[in-house]
């Protein structure tokens, strides 16, 4: 079993050491602090990375389904906004203009 220090684990995960420390404290990444320094088991970090692969693939599948939407060609669009009833003045203008 190979153990890594915080800077080594951050380099392994290709992330900032401070970001790693915050994620470990939040419980998102496995690690232990038996004394004054954080210690990481390499196999745990590999498992963490692999779990991200599965989450990424699942997120891609969900977004692909969301993109595929059904578009109906028989859709009837109505004008939005405005007022459907004509004012008496409108009718008079139309009459004078011969509309």
C-alpha atoms as a PDB file:
ATOM      1  CA  UNK A   1       0.000   0.000   0.000  1.00  0.00           C
ATOM      2  CA  UNK A   2       1.510   3.286  -1.142  1.00  0.00           C
ATOM      3  CA  UNK A   3       0.723   6.458   0.794  1.00  0.00           C
ATOM      4  CA  UNK A   4       1.005  10.023  -0.464  1.00  0.00           C
ATOM      5  CA  UNK A   5       1.393  13.384   1.233  1.00  0.00           C
ATOM      6  CA  UNK A   6      -0.933  16.281   0.444  1.00  0.00           C
ATOM      7  CA  UNK A   7       1.375  17.800  -2.228  1.00  0.00           C
ATOM      8  CA  UNK A   8       1.974  14.351  -3.777  1.00  0.00           C
ATOM      9  CA  UNK A   9      -1.744  13.540  -3.809  1.00  0.00           C
ATOM     10  CA  UNK A  10      -2.521  16.940  -5.333  1.00  0.00           C
ATOM     11  CA  UNK A  11       0.034  16.294  -8.083  1.00  0.00           C
ATOM     12  CA  UNK A  12      -1.426  12.809  -8.615  1.00  0.00           C
ATOM     13  CA  UNK A  13      -4.944  14.254  -8.975  1.00  0.00           C
ATOM     14  CA  UNK A  14      -3.608  17.232 -10.956  1.00  0.00           C
ATOM     15  CA  UNK A  15      -5.225  19.780  -8.693  1.00  0.00           C
ATOM     16  CA  UNK A  16      -4.230  22.555  -6.331  1.00  0.00           C
ATOM     17  CA  UNK A  17      -3.145  21.303  -2.867  1.00  0.00           C
ATOM     18  CA  UNK A  18      -5.448  23.789  -1.105  1.00  0.00           C
ATOM     19  CA  UNK A  19      -8.432  22.648  -3.203  1.00  0.00           C
ATOM     20  CA  UNK A  20      -7.602  19.043  -2.329  1.00  0.00           C
ATOM     21  CA  UNK A  21      -7.389  19.881   1.384  1.00  0.00           C
ATOM     22  CA  UNK A  22     -10.809  21.561   1.267  1.00  0.00           C
ATOM     23  CA  UNK A  23     -12.409  18.623  -0.562  1.00  0.00           C
ATOM     24  CA  UNK A  24     -10.908  16.132   1.898  1.00  0.00           C
ATOM     25  CA  UNK A  25     -12.213  18.143   4.861  1.00  0.00           C
ATOM     26  CA  UNK A  26     -15.658  18.181   3.208  1.00  0.00           C
ATOM     27  CA  UNK A  27     -15.536  14.388   2.774  1.00  0.00           C
ATOM     28  CA  UNK A  28     -15.559  14.434  -1.034  1.00  0.00           C
ATOM     29  CA  UNK A  29     -12.117  12.806  -1.335  1.00  0.00           C
ATOM     30  CA  UNK A  30     -10.807  10.082   1.015  1.00  0.00           C
ATOM     31  CA  UNK A  31      -7.875  11.033   3.228  1.00  0.00           C
ATOM     32  CA  UNK A  32      -6.730  10.923   6.850  1.00  0.00           C
ATOM     33  CA  UNK A  33      -4.849  13.222   9.184  1.00  0.00           C
ATOM     34  CA  UNK A  34      -3.256  10.937  11.796  1.00  0.00           C
ATOM     35  CA  UNK A  35      -0.990  13.731  13.061  1.00  0.00           C
ATOM     36  CA  UNK A  36      -0.299  17.156  11.657  1.00  0.00           C
ATOM     37  CA  UNK A  37      -0.192  16.101   8.003  1.00  0.00           C
ATOM     38  CA  UNK A  38      -2.726  14.657   5.597  1.00  0.00           C
ATOM     39  CA  UNK A  39      -2.085  11.126   4.302  1.00  0.00           C
ATOM     40  CA  UNK A  40      -3.682   9.549   1.241  1.00  0.00           C
ATOM     41  CA  UNK A  41      -3.745   5.944   0.041  1.00  0.00           C
ATOM     42  CA  UNK A  42      -3.013   5.813  -3.679  1.00  0.00           C
ATOM     43  CA  UNK A  43      -5.653   3.117  -4.305  1.00  0.00           C
ATOM     44  CA  UNK A  44      -8.306   5.347  -2.687  1.00  0.00           C
ATOM     45  CA  UNK A  45      -7.380   8.207  -5.000  1.00  0.00           C
ATOM     46  CA  UNK A  46      -7.560   5.886  -8.015  1.00  0.00           C
ATOM     47  CA  UNK A  47     -11.030   4.747  -6.894  1.00  0.00           C
ATOM     48  CA  UNK A  48     -12.059   8.393  -6.481  1.00  0.00           C
ATOM     49  CA  UNK A  49     -10.906   9.191 -10.025  1.00  0.00           C
ATOM     50  CA  UNK A  50     -12.744   6.168 -11.409  1.00  0.00           C
ATOM     51  CA  UNK A  51     -15.929   7.270  -9.674  1.00  0.00           C
ATOM     52  CA  UNK A  52     -15.652  10.573 -11.536  1.00  0.00           C
ATOM     53  CA  UNK A  53     -15.488   8.692 -14.844  1.00  0.00           C
ATOM     54  CA  UNK A  54     -18.817   6.986 -14.119  1.00  0.00           C
ATOM     55  CA  UNK A  55     -20.444  10.255 -13.031  1.00  0.00           C
ATOM     56  CA  UNK A  56     -19.191  12.007 -16.167  1.00  0.00           C
ATOM     57  CA  UNK A  57     -20.512   9.278 -18.455  1.00  0.00           C
ATOM     58  CA  UNK A  58     -23.889   9.379 -16.724  1.00  0.00           C
ATOM     59  CA  UNK A  59     -24.060  13.186 -17.031  1.00  0.00           C
ATOM     60  CA  UNK A  60     -23.251  12.958 -20.740  1.00  0.00           C
ATOM     61  CA  UNK A  61     -26.032  10.408 -21.236  1.00  0.00           C
ATOM     62  CA  UNK A  62     -28.544  12.633 -19.473  1.00  0.00           C
ATOM     63  CA  UNK A  63     -27.619  15.705 -21.511  1.00  0.00           C
ATOM     64  CA  UNK A  64     -27.809  13.722 -24.752  1.00  0.00           C
ATOM     65  CA  UNK A  65     -31.381  12.708 -23.881  1.00  0.00           C
ATOM     66  CA  UNK A  66     -32.290  16.282 -23.022  1.00  0.00           C
ATOM     67  CA  UNK A  67     -30.979  17.545 -26.366  1.00  0.00           C
ATOM     68  CA  UNK A  68     -33.114  15.111 -28.348  1.00  0.00           C
ATOM     69  CA  UNK A  69     -36.557  16.660 -28.293  1.00  0.00           C
ATOM     70  CA  UNK A  70     -39.627  15.974 -30.363  1.00  0.00           C
ATOM     71  CA  UNK A  71     -40.562  18.729 -32.760  1.00  0.00           C
ATOM     72  CA  UNK A  72     -44.051  18.504 -34.185  1.00  0.00           C
ATOM     73  CA  UNK A  73     -44.528  19.699 -37.757  1.00  0.00           C
ATOM     74  CA  UNK A  74     -48.253  20.129 -37.129  1.00  0.00           C
ATOM     75  CA  UNK A  75     -47.672  22.745 -34.460  1.00  0.00           C
ATOM     76  CA  UNK A  76     -49.960  25.750 -34.712  1.00  0.00           C
ATOM     77  CA  UNK A  77     -48.513  28.929 -33.315  1.00  0.00           C
ATOM     78  CA  UNK A  78     -50.699  31.725 -32.141  1.00  0.00           C
ATOM     79  CA  UNK A  79     -49.618  35.302 -31.809  1.00  0.00           C
ATOM     80  CA  UNK A  80     -48.739  36.156 -28.277  1.00  0.00           C
ATOM     81  CA  UNK A  81     -49.476  39.430 -26.586  1.00  0.00           C
ATOM     82  CA  UNK A  82     -51.653  42.233 -27.839  1.00  0.00           C
ATOM     83  CA  UNK A  83     -55.393  42.444 -27.745  1.00  0.00           C
ATOM     84  CA  UNK A  84     -57.743  40.332 -29.852  1.00  0.00           C
ATOM     85  CA  UNK A  85     -60.740  42.669 -29.574  1.00  0.00           C
ATOM     86  CA  UNK A  86     -60.877  45.688 -31.847  1.00  0.00           C
ATOM     87  CA  UNK A  87     -61.750  49.092 -30.562  1.00  0.00           C
ATOM     88  CA  UNK A  88     -64.716  50.915 -32.144  1.00  0.00           C
ATOM     89  CA  UNK A  89     -62.251  53.392 -33.637  1.00  0.00           C
ATOM     90  CA  UNK A  90     -60.422  50.562 -35.436  1.00  0.00           C
ATOM     91  CA  UNK A  91     -63.623  49.465 -37.135  1.00  0.00           C
ATOM     92  CA  UNK A  92     -64.339  53.024 -38.214  1.00  0.00           C
ATOM     93  CA  UNK A  93     -60.848  53.471 -39.699  1.00  0.00           C
ATOM     94  CA  UNK A  94     -61.173  50.170 -41.531  1.00  0.00           C
ATOM     95  CA  UNK A  95     -64.553  51.281 -42.921  1.00  0.00           C
ATOM     96  CA  UNK A  96     -63.184  54.630 -44.112  1.00  0.00           C
ATOM     97  CA  UNK A  97     -60.141  52.996 -45.712  1.00  0.00           C
ATOM     98  CA  UNK A  98     -62.249  50.303 -47.340  1.00  0.00           C
ATOM     99  CA  UNK A  99     -60.550  47.430 -45.522  1.00  0.00           C
END
